[in-house]
C-alpha cells in the first residue's frame, strides 16, 4: 500500500469514526444499563459496517478494513450490553 495524502485522510477518518463509539461503550459499561439504546438501530448499523468491511476487504483498502473491523467490534460490544444488561433479574 502506497502512503499518500489520500491514505492519510482515510486513516484520519477511520480513527475519528471508530473512536466515536468508545464513549458509548464506556458510558454503558459504567452505568450497567443500555435501556436507552436502540437494538434495532445498532443491528442495522452492524449490518452496514459489515458491508463496509467486506467492501474494504474486496478493495484491499487498509483504512476501510481497520476502521470497520474495530467499529464492528465496538458495536457488537454495545449490542452485547443491550442484550445482557437489560434483562429483568430473576428473584
N, C-alpha and C. Protein backbone atom coordinates (compact mmCIF):
# COMPACT_ATOMS: atom_id res chain seq x y z
N UNK A 1 0.84 -1.17 0.00
CA UNK A 1 0.00 0.00 0.00
C UNK A 1 0.89 1.24 0.00
N UNK A 2 0.64 2.10 -0.93
CA UNK A 2 1.37 3.36 -1.02
C UNK A 2 0.77 4.37 -0.05
N UNK A 3 1.61 5.03 0.73
CA UNK A 3 1.13 6.01 1.68
C UNK A 3 1.06 7.36 1.00
N UNK A 4 -0.16 7.84 0.80
CA UNK A 4 -0.39 9.11 0.14
C UNK A 4 -1.22 10.02 1.04
N UNK A 5 -1.42 11.23 0.61
CA UNK A 5 -2.27 12.17 1.33
C UNK A 5 -3.69 11.62 1.44
N UNK A 6 -4.14 10.97 0.40
CA UNK A 6 -5.47 10.36 0.41
C UNK A 6 -5.54 9.25 1.46
N UNK A 7 -4.49 8.46 1.57
CA UNK A 7 -4.44 7.42 2.60
C UNK A 7 -4.48 8.05 3.98
N UNK A 8 -3.76 9.14 4.17
CA UNK A 8 -3.76 9.85 5.45
C UNK A 8 -5.17 10.33 5.80
N UNK A 9 -5.87 10.88 4.84
CA UNK A 9 -7.25 11.33 5.06
C UNK A 9 -8.13 10.14 5.45
N UNK A 10 -7.95 9.02 4.76
CA UNK A 10 -8.72 7.83 5.07
C UNK A 10 -8.44 7.31 6.46
N UNK A 11 -7.17 7.32 6.86
CA UNK A 11 -6.81 6.85 8.20
C UNK A 11 -7.36 7.79 9.27
N UNK A 12 -7.30 9.08 9.04
CA UNK A 12 -7.84 10.05 9.99
C UNK A 12 -9.35 9.88 10.12
N UNK A 13 -10.03 9.70 9.02
CA UNK A 13 -11.48 9.46 9.05
C UNK A 13 -11.77 8.16 9.80
N UNK A 14 -10.98 7.15 9.56
CA UNK A 14 -11.16 5.86 10.21
C UNK A 14 -11.01 5.98 11.72
N UNK A 15 -9.99 6.69 12.17
CA UNK A 15 -9.77 6.86 13.60
C UNK A 15 -10.94 7.62 14.23
N UNK A 16 -11.36 8.70 13.61
CA UNK A 16 -12.44 9.52 14.17
C UNK A 16 -13.76 8.76 14.25
N UNK A 17 -14.14 8.10 13.18
CA UNK A 17 -15.43 7.40 13.19
C UNK A 17 -15.40 6.17 14.08
N UNK A 18 -14.25 5.59 14.28
CA UNK A 18 -14.14 4.41 15.14
C UNK A 18 -14.17 4.81 16.61
N UNK A 19 -13.36 5.79 16.99
CA UNK A 19 -13.32 6.16 18.40
C UNK A 19 -14.60 6.86 18.85
N UNK A 20 -15.43 7.26 17.92
CA UNK A 20 -16.70 7.87 18.27
C UNK A 20 -17.58 6.92 19.08
N UNK A 21 -17.38 5.63 18.95
CA UNK A 21 -18.18 4.64 19.68
C UNK A 21 -17.66 4.38 21.10
N UNK A 22 -16.41 4.74 21.36
CA UNK A 22 -15.83 4.47 22.68
C UNK A 22 -16.60 5.13 23.83
N UNK A 23 -16.99 6.41 23.74
CA UNK A 23 -17.74 6.99 24.85
C UNK A 23 -19.03 6.24 25.17
N UNK A 24 -19.71 5.73 24.15
CA UNK A 24 -20.95 4.98 24.39
C UNK A 24 -20.66 3.66 25.08
N UNK A 25 -19.61 2.97 24.65
CA UNK A 25 -19.23 1.71 25.29
C UNK A 25 -18.87 1.96 26.76
N UNK A 26 -18.08 2.99 27.01
CA UNK A 26 -17.66 3.30 28.38
C UNK A 26 -18.84 3.71 29.24
N UNK A 27 -19.70 4.57 28.71
CA UNK A 27 -20.87 5.02 29.47
C UNK A 27 -21.80 3.85 29.81
N UNK A 28 -22.04 2.99 28.84
CA UNK A 28 -22.91 1.84 29.07
C UNK A 28 -22.30 0.89 30.09
N UNK A 29 -21.00 0.67 29.99
CA UNK A 29 -20.30 -0.21 30.93
C UNK A 29 -20.39 0.35 32.36
N UNK A 30 -20.13 1.64 32.52
CA UNK A 30 -20.16 2.25 33.84
C UNK A 30 -21.57 2.30 34.42
N UNK A 31 -22.55 2.61 33.59
CA UNK A 31 -23.94 2.72 34.05
C UNK A 31 -24.57 1.36 34.28
N UNK A 32 -23.98 0.33 33.70
CA UNK A 32 -24.55 -1.03 33.76
C UNK A 32 -25.99 -1.04 33.23
N UNK A 33 -26.22 -0.19 32.23
CA UNK A 33 -27.56 -0.11 31.64
C UNK A 33 -27.44 0.31 30.17
N UNK A 34 -28.23 -0.34 29.34
CA UNK A 34 -28.30 0.00 27.93
C UNK A 34 -29.75 0.23 27.53
N UNK A 35 -30.59 0.54 28.52
CA UNK A 35 -32.03 0.61 28.26
C UNK A 35 -32.41 1.71 27.27
N UNK A 36 -31.63 2.76 27.18
CA UNK A 36 -31.96 3.86 26.27
C UNK A 36 -31.38 3.67 24.87
N UNK A 37 -30.70 2.57 24.65
CA UNK A 37 -30.12 2.32 23.33
C UNK A 37 -31.07 1.49 22.48
N UNK A 38 -31.08 1.77 21.19
CA UNK A 38 -31.96 1.06 20.27
C UNK A 38 -31.23 -0.14 19.67
N UNK A 39 -31.70 -1.34 20.01
CA UNK A 39 -31.12 -2.56 19.44
C UNK A 39 -31.33 -2.60 17.93
N UNK A 40 -32.47 -2.14 17.48
CA UNK A 40 -32.76 -2.11 16.04
C UNK A 40 -31.76 -1.23 15.30
N UNK A 41 -31.49 -0.04 15.84
CA UNK A 41 -30.54 0.86 15.20
C UNK A 41 -29.14 0.25 15.16
N UNK A 42 -28.70 -0.33 16.28
CA UNK A 42 -27.37 -0.93 16.30
C UNK A 42 -27.29 -2.18 15.42
N UNK A 43 -28.39 -2.90 15.26
CA UNK A 43 -28.41 -4.05 14.35
C UNK A 43 -28.24 -3.62 12.90
N UNK A 44 -28.95 -2.58 12.52
CA UNK A 44 -28.83 -2.05 11.15
C UNK A 44 -27.43 -1.50 10.93
N UNK A 45 -26.92 -0.77 11.93
CA UNK A 45 -25.57 -0.22 11.84
C UNK A 45 -24.53 -1.33 11.71
N UNK A 46 -24.69 -2.41 12.49
CA UNK A 46 -23.75 -3.54 12.42
C UNK A 46 -23.76 -4.15 11.02
N UNK A 47 -24.94 -4.28 10.43
CA UNK A 47 -25.03 -4.82 9.07
C UNK A 47 -24.31 -3.90 8.09
N UNK A 48 -24.56 -2.60 8.20
CA UNK A 48 -23.92 -1.63 7.30
C UNK A 48 -22.40 -1.64 7.45
N UNK A 49 -21.92 -1.67 8.67
CA UNK A 49 -20.48 -1.69 8.91
C UNK A 49 -19.87 -3.00 8.39
N UNK A 50 -20.60 -4.10 8.52
CA UNK A 50 -20.13 -5.37 7.96
C UNK A 50 -20.00 -5.26 6.44
N UNK A 51 -20.95 -4.61 5.80
CA UNK A 51 -20.87 -4.41 4.35
C UNK A 51 -19.67 -3.54 3.98
N UNK A 52 -19.41 -2.48 4.77
CA UNK A 52 -18.23 -1.65 4.54
C UNK A 52 -16.95 -2.46 4.72
N UNK A 53 -16.93 -3.34 5.71
CA UNK A 53 -15.76 -4.18 5.95
C UNK A 53 -15.51 -5.10 4.75
N UNK A 54 -16.56 -5.73 4.27
CA UNK A 54 -16.43 -6.60 3.09
C UNK A 54 -15.95 -5.79 1.88
N UNK A 55 -16.51 -4.61 1.71
CA UNK A 55 -16.13 -3.71 0.62
C UNK A 55 -14.63 -3.37 0.72
N UNK A 56 -14.18 -3.02 1.92
CA UNK A 56 -12.77 -2.69 2.12
C UNK A 56 -11.86 -3.86 1.85
N UNK A 57 -12.29 -5.05 2.28
CA UNK A 57 -11.50 -6.26 2.02
C UNK A 57 -11.41 -6.52 0.52
N UNK A 58 -12.52 -6.40 -0.17
CA UNK A 58 -12.52 -6.65 -1.62
C UNK A 58 -11.64 -5.65 -2.36
N UNK A 59 -11.57 -4.40 -1.85
CA UNK A 59 -10.71 -3.40 -2.48
C UNK A 59 -9.28 -3.47 -1.98
N UNK A 60 -9.07 -4.15 -0.85
CA UNK A 60 -7.74 -4.20 -0.26
C UNK A 60 -7.33 -2.87 0.35
N UNK A 61 -8.30 -2.11 0.83
CA UNK A 61 -8.03 -0.78 1.40
C UNK A 61 -7.93 -0.86 2.92
N UNK A 62 -6.70 -0.76 3.42
CA UNK A 62 -6.43 -0.91 4.84
C UNK A 62 -7.23 0.07 5.73
N UNK A 63 -7.34 1.36 5.37
CA UNK A 63 -8.11 2.26 6.23
C UNK A 63 -9.57 1.80 6.40
N UNK A 64 -10.18 1.34 5.33
CA UNK A 64 -11.57 0.89 5.38
C UNK A 64 -11.66 -0.41 6.20
N UNK A 65 -10.72 -1.29 5.99
CA UNK A 65 -10.73 -2.58 6.70
C UNK A 65 -10.55 -2.37 8.21
N UNK A 66 -9.52 -1.62 8.60
CA UNK A 66 -9.24 -1.42 10.02
C UNK A 66 -10.37 -0.68 10.72
N UNK A 67 -10.82 0.40 10.12
CA UNK A 67 -11.88 1.20 10.75
C UNK A 67 -13.13 0.39 10.96
N UNK A 68 -13.53 -0.34 9.96
CA UNK A 68 -14.79 -1.07 10.07
C UNK A 68 -14.67 -2.33 10.91
N UNK A 69 -13.51 -2.94 10.97
CA UNK A 69 -13.33 -4.10 11.84
C UNK A 69 -13.42 -3.67 13.31
N UNK A 70 -12.74 -2.59 13.66
CA UNK A 70 -12.78 -2.11 15.05
C UNK A 70 -14.16 -1.55 15.38
N UNK A 71 -14.75 -0.81 14.46
CA UNK A 71 -16.10 -0.26 14.68
C UNK A 71 -17.10 -1.39 14.89
N UNK A 72 -17.03 -2.42 14.08
CA UNK A 72 -17.93 -3.55 14.24
C UNK A 72 -17.75 -4.21 15.60
N UNK A 73 -16.53 -4.36 16.04
CA UNK A 73 -16.27 -4.93 17.36
C UNK A 73 -16.93 -4.08 18.46
N UNK A 74 -16.77 -2.77 18.39
CA UNK A 74 -17.37 -1.89 19.39
C UNK A 74 -18.90 -1.94 19.34
N UNK A 75 -19.47 -2.00 18.15
CA UNK A 75 -20.92 -2.11 18.01
C UNK A 75 -21.40 -3.42 18.62
N UNK A 76 -20.68 -4.49 18.37
CA UNK A 76 -21.07 -5.79 18.94
C UNK A 76 -20.98 -5.79 20.46
N UNK A 77 -20.02 -5.07 21.02
CA UNK A 77 -19.92 -4.94 22.47
C UNK A 77 -21.16 -4.21 23.00
N UNK A 78 -21.53 -3.12 22.34
CA UNK A 78 -22.72 -2.37 22.75
C UNK A 78 -23.96 -3.25 22.65
N UNK A 79 -24.08 -4.01 21.58
CA UNK A 79 -25.24 -4.89 21.41
C UNK A 79 -25.24 -5.98 22.49
N UNK A 80 -24.08 -6.49 22.84
CA UNK A 80 -23.98 -7.48 23.91
C UNK A 80 -24.48 -6.87 25.22
N UNK A 81 -24.04 -5.64 25.51
CA UNK A 81 -24.52 -4.95 26.71
C UNK A 81 -26.04 -4.81 26.67
N UNK A 82 -26.55 -4.42 25.52
CA UNK A 82 -28.00 -4.23 25.38
C UNK A 82 -28.74 -5.54 25.66
N UNK A 83 -28.23 -6.62 25.15
CA UNK A 83 -28.93 -7.91 25.31
C UNK A 83 -28.75 -8.52 26.70
N UNK A 84 -27.67 -8.20 27.38
CA UNK A 84 -27.43 -8.82 28.69
C UNK A 84 -27.75 -7.93 29.87
N UNK A 85 -27.62 -6.64 29.74
CA UNK A 85 -27.83 -5.74 30.88
C UNK A 85 -29.29 -5.39 31.11
N UNK A 86 -30.09 -5.52 30.10
CA UNK A 86 -31.47 -5.08 30.21
C UNK A 86 -32.46 -6.19 30.54
N UNK A 87 -31.94 -7.37 30.80
CA UNK A 87 -32.83 -8.48 31.19
C UNK A 87 -33.33 -8.25 32.60
N UNK A 88 -34.61 -8.50 32.81
CA UNK A 88 -35.10 -8.41 34.19
C UNK A 88 -34.45 -9.48 35.05
N UNK A 89 -34.07 -9.11 36.24
CA UNK A 89 -33.43 -10.09 37.12
C UNK A 89 -34.47 -11.07 37.66
N UNK A 90 -34.06 -12.32 37.78
CA UNK A 90 -34.95 -13.36 38.30
C UNK A 90 -34.68 -13.49 39.80
N UNK A 91 -35.71 -13.30 40.58
CA UNK A 91 -35.59 -13.41 42.04
C UNK A 91 -36.21 -14.68 42.54
